[in-house]
Amino acid sequence: MSDKSKNIANYLLKLSLIILFISFLTLYFSHNSGYFEYEQHKKTSFTKEQIERFEQDIKDGKEVDITNYLDNKDNDYSNKISNLGLTLSKQIEKAIKGGLNHVINFINNSLS
């Protein structure tokens, strides 16, 4: 390998490690700060409020429709970049899976 390709490989390795480290720190601190527990608390408190509202409407004799009490937030956050990432991810998965199957078959054939 030439010095230039070694430098590029070292740069990419260092960049990858830095990105992984920052991702780890972000997840670590968000977990320790209670972010995930807070999100779960919001969901359960919302559910309790909906149950109380449902029960009150029954007591008041109002017409009850279950869809009025459900939180249907099916947001679609996909865009061109996320769709491209998903497609690329599936292609990489297919290539790696096929490659591993070939390696395993080769090993099995050589052992028998």
PDB file of N, CA and C in Angstrom:
ATOM      1  N   MET A   1       0.828  -1.182   0.000  1.00  0.00           N
ATOM      2  CA  MET A   1       0.000   0.000   0.000  1.00  0.00           C
ATOM      3  C   MET A   1       0.872   1.246   0.000  1.00  0.00           C
ATOM      4  N   SER A   2       0.424   2.238  -0.694  1.00  0.00           N
ATOM      5  CA  SER A   2       1.178   3.489  -0.715  1.00  0.00           C
ATOM      6  C   SER A   2       0.869   4.293   0.541  1.00  0.00           C
ATOM      7  N   ASP A   3       1.702   5.292   0.768  1.00  0.00           N
ATOM      8  CA  ASP A   3       1.519   6.133   1.951  1.00  0.00           C
ATOM      9  C   ASP A   3       0.190   6.877   1.907  1.00  0.00           C
ATOM     10  N   LYS A   4      -0.227   7.278   0.715  1.00  0.00           N
ATOM     11  CA  LYS A   4      -1.474   8.038   0.582  1.00  0.00           C
ATOM     12  C   LYS A   4      -2.674   7.169   0.946  1.00  0.00           C
ATOM     13  N   SER A   5      -2.706   5.915   0.485  1.00  0.00           N
ATOM     14  CA  SER A   5      -3.841   5.050   0.810  1.00  0.00           C
ATOM     15  C   SER A   5      -3.810   4.637   2.278  1.00  0.00           C
ATOM     16  N   LYS A   6      -2.607   4.533   2.884  1.00  0.00           N
ATOM     17  CA  LYS A   6      -2.526   4.251   4.320  1.00  0.00           C
ATOM     18  C   LYS A   6      -3.081   5.422   5.124  1.00  0.00           C
ATOM     19  N   ASN A   7      -2.755   6.645   4.689  1.00  0.00           N
ATOM     20  CA  ASN A   7      -3.262   7.829   5.385  1.00  0.00           C
ATOM     21  C   ASN A   7      -4.776   7.919   5.293  1.00  0.00           C
ATOM     22  N   ILE A   8      -5.331   7.604   4.133  1.00  0.00           N
ATOM     23  CA  ILE A   8      -6.790   7.634   3.961  1.00  0.00           C
ATOM     24  C   ILE A   8      -7.449   6.576   4.833  1.00  0.00           C
ATOM     25  N   ALA A   9      -6.850   5.374   4.860  1.00  0.00           N
ATOM     26  CA  ALA A   9      -7.404   4.297   5.688  1.00  0.00           C
ATOM     27  C   ALA A   9      -7.348   4.671   7.159  1.00  0.00           C
ATOM     28  N   ASN A  10      -6.237   5.246   7.601  1.00  0.00           N
ATOM     29  CA  ASN A  10      -6.117   5.673   8.997  1.00  0.00           C
ATOM     30  C   ASN A  10      -7.129   6.766   9.324  1.00  0.00           C
ATOM     31  N   TYR A  11      -7.300   7.713   8.404  1.00  0.00           N
ATOM     32  CA  TYR A  11      -8.267   8.794   8.613  1.00  0.00           C
ATOM     33  C   TYR A  11      -9.678   8.238   8.744  1.00  0.00           C
ATOM     34  N   LEU A  12     -10.053   7.309   7.850  1.00  0.00           N
ATOM     35  CA  LEU A  12     -11.395   6.721   7.906  1.00  0.00           C
ATOM     36  C   LEU A  12     -11.603   5.911   9.187  1.00  0.00           C
ATOM     37  N   LEU A  13     -10.560   5.200   9.612  1.00  0.00           N
ATOM     38  CA  LEU A  13     -10.662   4.436  10.853  1.00  0.00           C
ATOM     39  C   LEU A  13     -10.857   5.365  12.045  1.00  0.00           C
ATOM     40  N   LYS A  14     -10.057   6.429  12.110  1.00  0.00           N
ATOM     41  CA  LYS A  14     -10.187   7.381  13.215  1.00  0.00           C
ATOM     42  C   LYS A  14     -11.555   8.063  13.201  1.00  0.00           C
ATOM     43  N   LEU A  15     -12.023   8.440  12.025  1.00  0.00           N
ATOM     44  CA  LEU A  15     -13.330   9.084  11.916  1.00  0.00           C
ATOM     45  C   LEU A  15     -14.443   8.146  12.372  1.00  0.00           C
ATOM     46  N   SER A  16     -14.351   6.877  11.963  1.00  0.00           N
ATOM     47  CA  SER A  16     -15.353   5.890  12.376  1.00  0.00           C
ATOM     48  C   SER A  16     -15.357   5.711  13.882  1.00  0.00           C
ATOM     49  N   LEU A  17     -14.173   5.613  14.472  1.00  0.00           N
ATOM     50  CA  LEU A  17     -14.089   5.450  15.926  1.00  0.00           C
ATOM     51  C   LEU A  17     -14.632   6.671  16.660  1.00  0.00           C
ATOM     52  N   ILE A  18     -14.365   7.846  16.166  1.00  0.00           N
ATOM     53  CA  ILE A  18     -14.881   9.064  16.800  1.00  0.00           C
ATOM     54  C   ILE A  18     -16.398   9.104  16.722  1.00  0.00           C
ATOM     55  N   ILE A  19     -16.948   8.756  15.567  1.00  0.00           N
ATOM     56  CA  ILE A  19     -18.409   8.742  15.415  1.00  0.00           C
ATOM     57  C   ILE A  19     -19.036   7.716  16.346  1.00  0.00           C
ATOM     58  N   LEU A  20     -18.451   6.533  16.434  1.00  0.00           N
ATOM     59  CA  LEU A  20     -18.969   5.505  17.346  1.00  0.00           C
ATOM     60  C   LEU A  20     -18.889   5.960  18.801  1.00  0.00           C
ATOM     61  N   PHE A  21     -17.795   6.603  19.157  1.00  0.00           N
ATOM     62  CA  PHE A  21     -17.632   7.076  20.532  1.00  0.00           C
ATOM     63  C   PHE A  21     -18.653   8.146  20.870  1.00  0.00           C
ATOM     64  N   ILE A  22     -18.872   9.083  19.965  1.00  0.00           N
ATOM     65  CA  ILE A  22     -19.865  10.140  20.198  1.00  0.00           C
ATOM     66  C   ILE A  22     -21.266   9.543  20.287  1.00  0.00           C
ATOM     67  N   SER A  23     -21.566   8.567  19.448  1.00  0.00           N
ATOM     68  CA  SER A  23     -22.871   7.902  19.507  1.00  0.00           C
ATOM     69  C   SER A  23     -23.048   7.198  20.845  1.00  0.00           C
ATOM     70  N   PHE A  24     -21.992   6.526  21.300  1.00  0.00           N
ATOM     71  CA  PHE A  24     -22.054   5.850  22.588  1.00  0.00           C
ATOM     72  C   PHE A  24     -22.307   6.846  23.712  1.00  0.00           C
ATOM     73  N   LEU A  25     -21.562   7.941  23.711  1.00  0.00           N
ATOM     74  CA  LEU A  25     -21.745   8.944  24.766  1.00  0.00           C
ATOM     75  C   LEU A  25     -23.156   9.524  24.752  1.00  0.00           C
ATOM     76  N   THR A  26     -23.680   9.782  23.574  1.00  0.00           N
ATOM     77  CA  THR A  26     -25.034  10.328  23.465  1.00  0.00           C
ATOM     78  C   THR A  26     -26.051   9.371  24.074  1.00  0.00           C
ATOM     79  N   LEU A  27     -25.969   8.094  23.696  1.00  0.00           N
ATOM     80  CA  LEU A  27     -26.900   7.109  24.245  1.00  0.00           C
ATOM     81  C   LEU A  27     -26.702   6.918  25.743  1.00  0.00           C
ATOM     82  N   TYR A  28     -25.460   6.919  26.185  1.00  0.00           N
ATOM     83  CA  TYR A  28     -25.162   6.739  27.602  1.00  0.00           C
ATOM     84  C   TYR A  28     -25.759   7.860  28.449  1.00  0.00           C
ATOM     85  N   PHE A  29     -25.528   9.095  28.031  1.00  0.00           N
ATOM     86  CA  PHE A  29     -26.031  10.229  28.810  1.00  0.00           C
ATOM     87  C   PHE A  29     -27.551  10.360  28.714  1.00  0.00           C
ATOM     88  N   SER A  30     -28.133  10.012  27.577  1.00  0.00           N
ATOM     89  CA  SER A  30     -29.588  10.076  27.489  1.00  0.00           C
ATOM     90  C   SER A  30     -30.227   9.018  28.389  1.00  0.00           C
ATOM     91  N   HIS A  31     -29.585   7.885  28.491  1.00  0.00           N
ATOM     92  CA  HIS A  31     -30.099   6.846  29.396  1.00  0.00           C
ATOM     93  C   HIS A  31     -29.955   7.280  30.847  1.00  0.00           C
ATOM     94  N   ASN A  32     -28.805   7.813  31.206  1.00  0.00           N
ATOM     95  CA  ASN A  32     -28.577   8.227  32.586  1.00  0.00           C
ATOM     96  C   ASN A  32     -29.407   9.436  32.988  1.00  0.00           C
ATOM     97  N   SER A  33     -29.774  10.266  32.035  1.00  0.00           N
ATOM     98  CA  SER A  33     -30.573  11.441  32.376  1.00  0.00           C
ATOM     99  C   SER A  33     -32.049  11.092  32.534  1.00  0.00           C
ATOM    100  N   GLY A  34     -32.432   9.874  32.180  1.00  0.00           N
ATOM    101  CA  GLY A  34     -33.809   9.451  32.353  1.00  0.00           C
ATOM    102  C   GLY A  34     -34.710   9.808  31.189  1.00  0.00           C
ATOM    103  N   TYR A  35     -34.144  10.085  30.048  1.00  0.00           N
ATOM    104  CA  TYR A  35     -34.946  10.476  28.888  1.00  0.00           C
ATOM    105  C   TYR A  35     -35.926   9.376  28.497  1.00  0.00           C
ATOM    106  N   PHE A  36     -35.452   8.141  28.444  1.00  0.00           N
ATOM    107  CA  PHE A  36     -36.312   7.050  28.016  1.00  0.00           C
ATOM    108  C   PHE A  36     -37.430   6.794  29.030  1.00  0.00           C
ATOM    109  N   GLU A  37     -37.084   6.872  30.310  1.00  0.00           N
ATOM    110  CA  GLU A  37     -38.101   6.677  31.351  1.00  0.00           C
ATOM    111  C   GLU A  37     -39.152   7.783  31.279  1.00  0.00           C
ATOM    112  N   TYR A  38     -38.722   9.001  30.990  1.00  0.00           N
ATOM    113  CA  TYR A  38     -39.656  10.115  30.875  1.00  0.00           C
ATOM    114  C   TYR A  38     -40.614   9.900  29.702  1.00  0.00           C
ATOM    115  N   GLU A  39     -40.098   9.424  28.586  1.00  0.00           N
ATOM    116  CA  GLU A  39     -40.959   9.153  27.428  1.00  0.00           C
ATOM    117  C   GLU A  39     -41.988   8.072  27.763  1.00  0.00           C
ATOM    118  N   GLN A  40     -41.579   7.036  28.481  1.00  0.00           N
ATOM    119  CA  GLN A  40     -42.517   5.992  28.889  1.00  0.00           C
ATOM    120  C   GLN A  40     -43.550   6.543  29.862  1.00  0.00           C
ATOM    121  N   HIS A  41     -43.118   7.415  30.761  1.00  0.00           N
ATOM    122  CA  HIS A  41     -44.051   8.029  31.719  1.00  0.00           C
ATOM    123  C   HIS A  41     -45.109   8.853  30.976  1.00  0.00           C
ATOM    124  N   LYS A  42     -44.685   9.592  29.964  1.00  0.00           N
ATOM    125  CA  LYS A  42     -45.646  10.392  29.194  1.00  0.00           C
ATOM    126  C   LYS A  42     -46.691   9.491  28.539  1.00  0.00           C
ATOM    127  N   LYS A  43     -46.264   8.362  28.017  1.00  0.00           N
ATOM    128  CA  LYS A  43     -47.208   7.448  27.362  1.00  0.00           C
ATOM    129  C   LYS A  43     -48.205   6.881  28.369  1.00  0.00           C
ATOM    130  N   THR A  44     -47.724   6.459  29.548  1.00  0.00           N
ATOM    131  CA  THR A  44     -48.639   5.878  30.528  1.00  0.00           C
ATOM    132  C   THR A  44     -49.578   6.917  31.102  1.00  0.00           C
ATOM    133  N   SER A  45     -49.099   8.131  31.337  1.00  0.00           N
ATOM    134  CA  SER A  45     -49.984   9.159  31.880  1.00  0.00           C
ATOM    135  C   SER A  45     -51.047   9.539  30.862  1.00  0.00           C
ATOM    136  N   PHE A  46     -50.682   9.547  29.580  1.00  0.00           N
ATOM    137  CA  PHE A  46     -51.659   9.827  28.538  1.00  0.00           C
ATOM    138  C   PHE A  46     -52.721   8.732  28.522  1.00  0.00           C
ATOM    139  N   THR A  47     -52.304   7.494  28.676  1.00  0.00           N
ATOM    140  CA  THR A  47     -53.247   6.386  28.681  1.00  0.00           C
ATOM    141  C   THR A  47     -54.189   6.501  29.874  1.00  0.00           C
ATOM    142  N   LYS A  48     -53.669   6.847  31.042  1.00  0.00           N
ATOM    143  CA  LYS A  48     -54.515   7.002  32.227  1.00  0.00           C
ATOM    144  C   LYS A  48     -55.535   8.122  32.012  1.00  0.00           C
ATOM    145  N   GLU A  49     -55.099   9.210  31.406  1.00  0.00           N
ATOM    146  CA  GLU A  49     -56.019  10.323  31.139  1.00  0.00           C
ATOM    147  C   GLU A  49     -57.118   9.890  30.170  1.00  0.00           C
ATOM    148  N   GLN A  50     -56.774   9.121  29.168  1.00  0.00           N
ATOM    149  CA  GLN A  50     -57.768   8.658  28.198  1.00  0.00           C
ATOM    150  C   GLN A  50     -58.770   7.706  28.864  1.00  0.00           C
ATOM    151  N   ILE A  51     -58.294   6.843  29.754  1.00  0.00           N
ATOM    152  CA  ILE A  51     -59.196   5.928  30.466  1.00  0.00           C
ATOM    153  C   ILE A  51     -60.160   6.719  31.336  1.00  0.00           C
ATOM    154  N   GLU A  52     -59.651   7.716  32.048  1.00  0.00           N
ATOM    155  CA  GLU A  52     -60.513   8.538  32.904  1.00  0.00           C
ATOM    156  C   GLU A  52     -61.557   9.281  32.063  1.00  0.00           C
ATOM    157  N   ARG A  53     -61.135   9.803  30.919  1.00  0.00           N
ATOM    158  CA  ARG A  53     -62.071  10.501  30.039  1.00  0.00           C
ATOM    159  C   ARG A  53     -63.141   9.547  29.510  1.00  0.00           C
ATOM    160  N   PHE A  54     -62.734   8.337  29.160  1.00  0.00           N
ATOM    161  CA  PHE A  54     -63.655   7.317  28.683  1.00  0.00           C
ATOM    162  C   PHE A  54     -64.682   6.971  29.762  1.00  0.00           C
ATOM    163  N   GLU A  55     -64.188   6.748  30.973  1.00  0.00           N
ATOM    164  CA  GLU A  55     -65.095   6.409  32.076  1.00  0.00           C
ATOM    165  C   GLU A  55     -66.055   7.555  32.377  1.00  0.00           C
ATOM    166  N   GLN A  56     -65.582   8.778  32.335  1.00  0.00           N
ATOM    167  CA  GLN A  56     -66.439   9.928  32.590  1.00  0.00           C
ATOM    168  C   GLN A  56     -67.516  10.057  31.521  1.00  0.00           C
ATOM    169  N   ASP A  57     -67.159   9.826  30.272  1.00  0.00           N
ATOM    170  CA  ASP A  57     -68.150   9.891  29.198  1.00  0.00           C
ATOM    171  C   ASP A  57     -69.216   8.821  29.354  1.00  0.00           C
ATOM    172  N   ILE A  58     -68.832   7.645  29.839  1.00  0.00           N
ATOM    173  CA  ILE A  58     -69.819   6.586  30.084  1.00  0.00           C
ATOM    174  C   ILE A  58     -70.755   7.006  31.211  1.00  0.00           C
ATOM    175  N   LYS A  59     -70.194   7.574  32.286  1.00  0.00           N
ATOM    176  CA  LYS A  59     -71.016   8.037  33.401  1.00  0.00           C
ATOM    177  C   LYS A  59     -71.986   9.135  32.967  1.00  0.00           C
ATOM    178  N   ASP A  60     -71.526  10.016  32.067  1.00  0.00           N
ATOM    179  CA  ASP A  60     -72.363  11.111  31.588  1.00  0.00           C
ATOM    180  C   ASP A  60     -73.382  10.653  30.555  1.00  0.00           C
ATOM    181  N   GLY A  61     -73.287   9.412  30.111  1.00  0.00           N
ATOM    182  CA  GLY A  61     -74.229   8.884  29.134  1.00  0.00           C
ATOM    183  C   GLY A  61     -73.955   9.333  27.713  1.00  0.00           C
ATOM    184  N   LYS A  62     -72.757   9.797  27.444  1.00  0.00           N
ATOM    185  CA  LYS A  62     -72.418  10.224  26.088  1.00  0.00           C
ATOM    186  C   LYS A  62     -72.211   9.016  25.191  1.00  0.00           C
ATOM    187  N   GLU A  63     -72.347   9.259  23.885  1.00  0.00           N
ATOM    188  CA  GLU A  63     -72.080   8.197  22.926  1.00  0.00           C
ATOM    189  C   GLU A  63     -70.562   7.967  22.883  1.00  0.00           C
ATOM    190  N   VAL A  64     -70.174   6.711  23.002  1.00  0.00           N
ATOM    191  CA  VAL A  64     -68.766   6.376  23.130  1.00  0.00           C
ATOM    192  C   VAL A  64     -68.271   5.722  21.842  1.00  0.00           C
ATOM    193  N   ASP A  65     -67.185   6.255  21.310  1.00  0.00           N
ATOM    194  CA  ASP A  65     -66.519   5.669  20.148  1.00  0.00           C
ATOM    195  C   ASP A  65     -65.050   5.512  20.503  1.00  0.00           C
ATOM    196  N   ILE A  66     -64.547   4.298  20.406  1.00  0.00           N
ATOM    197  CA  ILE A  66     -63.190   4.000  20.857  1.00  0.00           C
ATOM    198  C   ILE A  66     -62.135   4.821  20.121  1.00  0.00           C
ATOM    199  N   THR A  67     -62.407   5.196  18.887  1.00  0.00           N
ATOM    200  CA  THR A  67     -61.419   5.962  18.125  1.00  0.00           C
ATOM    201  C   THR A  67     -61.195   7.353  18.708  1.00  0.00           C
ATOM    202  N   ASN A  68     -62.137   7.847  19.499  1.00  0.00           N
ATOM    203  CA  ASN A  68     -61.965   9.151  20.137  1.00  0.00           C
ATOM    204  C   ASN A  68     -60.939   9.107  21.269  1.00  0.00           C
ATOM    205  N   TYR A  69     -60.608   7.917  21.737  1.00  0.00           N
ATOM    206  CA  TYR A  69     -59.739   7.771  22.897  1.00  0.00           C
ATOM    207  C   TYR A  69     -58.375   7.187  22.550  1.00  0.00           C
ATOM    208  N   LEU A  70     -58.174   6.855  21.311  1.00  0.00           N
ATOM    209  CA  LEU A  70     -56.901   6.285  20.898  1.00  0.00           C
ATOM    210  C   LEU A  70     -55.998   7.368  20.327  1.00  0.00           C
ATOM    211  N   ASP A  71     -54.722   7.204  20.552  1.00  0.00           N
ATOM    212  CA  ASP A  71     -53.725   8.134  20.018  1.00  0.00           C
ATOM    213  C   ASP A  71     -53.092   7.476  18.799  1.00  0.00           C
ATOM    214  N   ASN A  72     -53.599   7.782  17.641  1.00  0.00           N
ATOM    215  CA  ASN A  72     -53.092   7.198  16.409  1.00  0.00           C
ATOM    216  C   ASN A  72     -52.154   8.176  15.715  1.00  0.00           C
ATOM    217  N   LYS A  73     -50.936   8.185  16.174  1.00  0.00           N
ATOM    218  CA  LYS A  73     -49.934   9.046  15.558  1.00  0.00           C
ATOM    219  C   LYS A  73     -49.008   8.183  14.715  1.00  0.00           C
ATOM    220  N   ASP A  74     -49.450   7.829  13.557  1.00  0.00           N
ATOM    221  CA  ASP A  74     -48.627   7.061  12.633  1.00  0.00           C
ATOM    222  C   ASP A  74     -47.962   8.036  11.682  1.00  0.00           C
ATOM    223  N   ASN A  75     -46.929   8.670  12.186  1.00  0.00           N
ATOM    224  CA  ASN A  75     -46.217   9.654  11.378  1.00  0.00           C
ATOM    225  C   ASN A  75     -45.257   8.957  10.431  1.00  0.00           C
ATOM    226  N   ASP A  76     -45.224   9.420   9.214  1.00  0.00           N
ATOM    227  CA  ASP A  76     -44.303   8.887   8.222  1.00  0.00           C
ATOM    228  C   ASP A  76     -43.161   9.882   8.066  1.00  0.00           C
ATOM    229  N   TYR A  77     -42.012   9.513   8.587  1.00  0.00           N
ATOM    230  CA  TYR A  77     -40.863  10.404   8.549  1.00  0.00           C
ATOM    231  C   TYR A  77     -39.922  10.071   7.399  1.00  0.00           C
ATOM    232  N   SER A  78     -40.355   9.233   6.495  1.00  0.00           N
ATOM    233  CA  SER A  78     -39.461   8.842   5.412  1.00  0.00           C
ATOM    234  C   SER A  78     -39.297   9.987   4.416  1.00  0.00           C
ATOM    235  N   ASN A  79     -38.118  10.025   3.845  1.00  0.00           N
ATOM    236  CA  ASN A  79     -37.808  10.977   2.798  1.00  0.00           C
ATOM    237  C   ASN A  79     -36.852  10.304   1.831  1.00  0.00           C
ATOM    238  N   LYS A  80     -36.362  11.023   0.865  1.00  0.00           N
ATOM    239  CA  LYS A  80     -35.497  10.414  -0.147  1.00  0.00           C
ATOM    240  C   LYS A  80     -34.233   9.826   0.460  1.00  0.00           C
ATOM    241  N   ILE A  81     -33.675  10.512   1.423  1.00  0.00           N
ATOM    242  CA  ILE A  81     -32.429  10.033   2.022  1.00  0.00           C
ATOM    243  C   ILE A  81     -32.676   8.784   2.861  1.00  0.00           C
ATOM    244  N   SER A  82     -33.734   8.781   3.666  1.00  0.00           N
ATOM    245  CA  SER A  82     -34.006   7.600   4.482  1.00  0.00           C
ATOM    246  C   SER A  82     -34.390   6.414   3.613  1.00  0.00           C
ATOM    247  N   ASN A  83     -35.125   6.657   2.538  1.00  0.00           N
ATOM    248  CA  ASN A  83     -35.469   5.567   1.621  1.00  0.00           C
ATOM    249  C   ASN A  83     -34.220   5.026   0.939  1.00  0.00           C
ATOM    250  N   LEU A  84     -33.294   5.912   0.565  1.00  0.00           N
ATOM    251  CA  LEU A  84     -32.034   5.482  -0.032  1.00  0.00           C
ATOM    252  C   LEU A  84     -31.230   4.659   0.969  1.00  0.00           C
ATOM    253  N   GLY A  85     -31.201   5.103   2.221  1.00  0.00           N
ATOM    254  CA  GLY A  85     -30.494   4.362   3.263  1.00  0.00           C
ATOM    255  C   GLY A  85     -31.087   2.990   3.480  1.00  0.00           C
ATOM    256  N   LEU A  86     -32.412   2.906   3.469  1.00  0.00           N
ATOM    257  CA  LEU A  86     -33.073   1.619   3.640  1.00  0.00           C
ATOM    258  C   LEU A  86     -32.764   0.688   2.481  1.00  0.00           C
ATOM    259  N   THR A  87     -32.818   1.205   1.262  1.00  0.00           N
ATOM    260  CA  THR A  87     -32.515   0.395   0.084  1.00  0.00           C
ATOM    261  C   THR A  87     -31.069  -0.074   0.118  1.00  0.00           C
ATOM    262  N   LEU A  88     -30.153   0.833   0.442  1.00  0.00           N
ATOM    263  CA  LEU A  88     -28.741   0.483   0.527  1.00  0.00           C
ATOM    264  C   LEU A  88     -28.511  -0.565   1.607  1.00  0.00           C
ATOM    265  N   SER A  89     -29.159  -0.400   2.731  1.00  0.00           N
ATOM    266  CA  SER A  89     -29.033  -1.353   3.831  1.00  0.00           C
ATOM    267  C   SER A  89     -29.510  -2.737   3.421  1.00  0.00           C
ATOM    268  N   LYS A  90     -30.620  -2.803   2.713  1.00  0.00           N
ATOM    269  CA  LYS A  90     -31.130  -4.101   2.265  1.00  0.00           C
ATOM    270  C   LYS A  90     -30.195  -4.750   1.260  1.00  0.00           C
ATOM    271  N   GLN A  91     -29.596  -3.961   0.378  1.00  0.00           N
ATOM    272  CA  GLN A  91     -28.653  -4.507  -0.600  1.00  0.00           C
ATOM    273  C   GLN A  91     -27.391  -5.023   0.089  1.00  0.00           C
ATOM    274  N   ILE A  92     -26.908  -4.289   1.074  1.00  0.00           N
ATOM    275  CA  ILE A  92     -25.727  -4.740   1.823  1.00  0.00           C
ATOM    276  C   ILE A  92     -26.049  -6.024   2.565  1.00  0.00           C
ATOM    277  N   GLU A  93     -27.234  -6.079   3.172  1.00  0.00           N
ATOM    278  CA  GLU A  93     -27.645  -7.284   3.886  1.00  0.00           C
ATOM    279  C   GLU A  93     -27.678  -8.478   2.942  1.00  0.00           C
ATOM    280  N   LYS A  94     -28.250  -8.288   1.757  1.00  0.00           N
ATOM    281  CA  LYS A  94     -28.352  -9.368   0.789  1.00  0.00           C
ATOM    282  C   LYS A  94     -26.962  -9.845   0.358  1.00  0.00           C
ATOM    283  N   ALA A  95     -26.048  -8.901   0.115  1.00  0.00           N
ATOM    284  CA  ALA A  95     -24.694  -9.252  -0.318  1.00  0.00           C
ATOM    285  C   ALA A  95     -23.938 -10.007   0.775  1.00  0.00           C
ATOM    286  N   ILE A  96     -24.026  -9.532   2.004  1.00  0.00           N
ATOM    287  CA  ILE A  96     -23.318 -10.188   3.106  1.00  0.00           C
ATOM    288  C   ILE A  96     -23.905 -11.562   3.377  1.00  0.00           C
ATOM    289  N   LYS A  97     -25.221 -11.653   3.355  1.00  0.00           N
ATOM    290  CA  LYS A  97     -25.875 -12.942   3.587  1.00  0.00           C
ATOM    291  C   LYS A  97     -25.461 -13.951   2.521  1.00  0.00           C
ATOM    292  N   GLY A  98     -25.455 -13.520   1.256  1.00  0.00           N
ATOM    293  CA  GLY A  98     -25.037 -14.406   0.171  1.00  0.00           C
ATOM    294  C   GLY A  98     -23.588 -14.810   0.310  1.00  0.00           C
ATOM    295  N   GLY A  99     -22.731 -13.859   0.660  1.00  0.00           N
ATOM    296  CA  GLY A  99     -21.314 -14.165   0.841  1.00  0.00           C
ATOM    297  C   GLY A  99     -21.076 -15.141   1.969  1.00  0.00           C
ATOM    298  N   LEU A 100     -21.763 -14.942   3.080  1.00  0.00           N
ATOM    299  CA  LEU A 100     -21.615 -15.859   4.205  1.00  0.00           C
ATOM    300  C   LEU A 100     -22.129 -17.251   3.861  1.00  0.00           C
ATOM    301  N   ASN A 101     -23.228 -17.313   3.114  1.00  0.00           N
ATOM    302  CA  ASN A 101     -23.736 -18.626   2.701  1.00  0.00           C
ATOM    303  C   ASN A 101     -22.721 -19.360   1.826  1.00  0.00           C
ATOM    304  N   HIS A 102     -22.059 -18.633   0.921  1.00  0.00           N
ATOM    305  CA  HIS A 102     -21.037 -19.245   0.076  1.00  0.00           C
ATOM    306  C   HIS A 102     -19.859 -19.731   0.911  1.00  0.00           C
ATOM    307  N   VAL A 103     -19.430 -18.933   1.890  1.00  0.00           N
ATOM    308  CA  VAL A 103     -18.306 -19.325   2.748  1.00  0.00           C
ATOM    309  C   VAL A 103     -18.671 -20.560   3.562  1.00  0.00           C
ATOM    310  N   ILE A 104     -19.866 -20.577   4.120  1.00  0.00           N
ATOM    311  CA  ILE A 104     -20.297 -21.728   4.921  1.00  0.00           C
ATOM    312  C   ILE A 104     -20.404 -22.974   4.055  1.00  0.00           C
ATOM    313  N   ASN A 105     -20.969 -22.831   2.870  1.00  0.00           N
ATOM    314  CA  ASN A 105     -21.055 -23.985   1.960  1.00  0.00           C
ATOM    315  C   ASN A 105     -19.667 -24.479   1.571  1.00  0.00           C
ATOM    316  N   PHE A 106     -18.732 -23.565   1.321  1.00  0.00           N
ATOM    317  CA  PHE A 106     -17.363 -23.955   0.973  1.00  0.00           C
ATOM    318  C   PHE A 106     -16.714 -24.719   2.120  1.00  0.00           C
ATOM    319  N   ILE A 107     -16.899 -24.215   3.351  1.00  0.00           N
ATOM    320  CA  ILE A 107     -16.329 -24.899   4.516  1.00  0.00           C
ATOM    321  C   ILE A 107     -16.963 -26.268   4.699  1.00  0.00           C
ATOM    322  N   ASN A 108     -18.278 -26.362   4.549  1.00  0.00           N
ATOM    323  CA  ASN A 108     -18.953 -27.655   4.684  1.00  0.00           C
ATOM    324  C   ASN A 108     -18.473 -28.639   3.623  1.00  0.00           C
ATOM    325  N   ASN A 109     -18.310 -28.180   2.398  1.00  0.00           N
ATOM    326  CA  ASN A 109     -17.853 -29.065   1.329  1.00  0.00           C
ATOM    327  C   ASN A 109     -16.408 -29.504   1.531  1.00  0.00           C
ATOM    328  N   SER A 110     -15.584 -28.617   2.068  1.00  0.00           N
ATOM    329  CA  SER A 110     -14.178 -28.984   2.281  1.00  0.00           C
ATOM    330  C   SER A 110     -14.015 -29.919   3.475  1.00  0.00           C
ATOM    331  N   LEU A 111     -14.928 -29.863   4.422  1.00  0.00           N
ATOM    332  CA  LEU A 111     -14.845 -30.746   5.599  1.00  0.00           C
ATOM    333  C   LEU A 111     -15.397 -32.140   5.306  1.00  0.00           C
ATOM    334  N   SER A 112     -16.266 -32.253   4.339  1.00  0.00           N
ATOM    335  CA  SER A 112     -16.863 -33.569   4.084  1.00  0.00           C
ATOM    336  C   SER A 112     -16.168 -34.319   2.996  1.00  0.00           C
TER     337      SER A 112
END
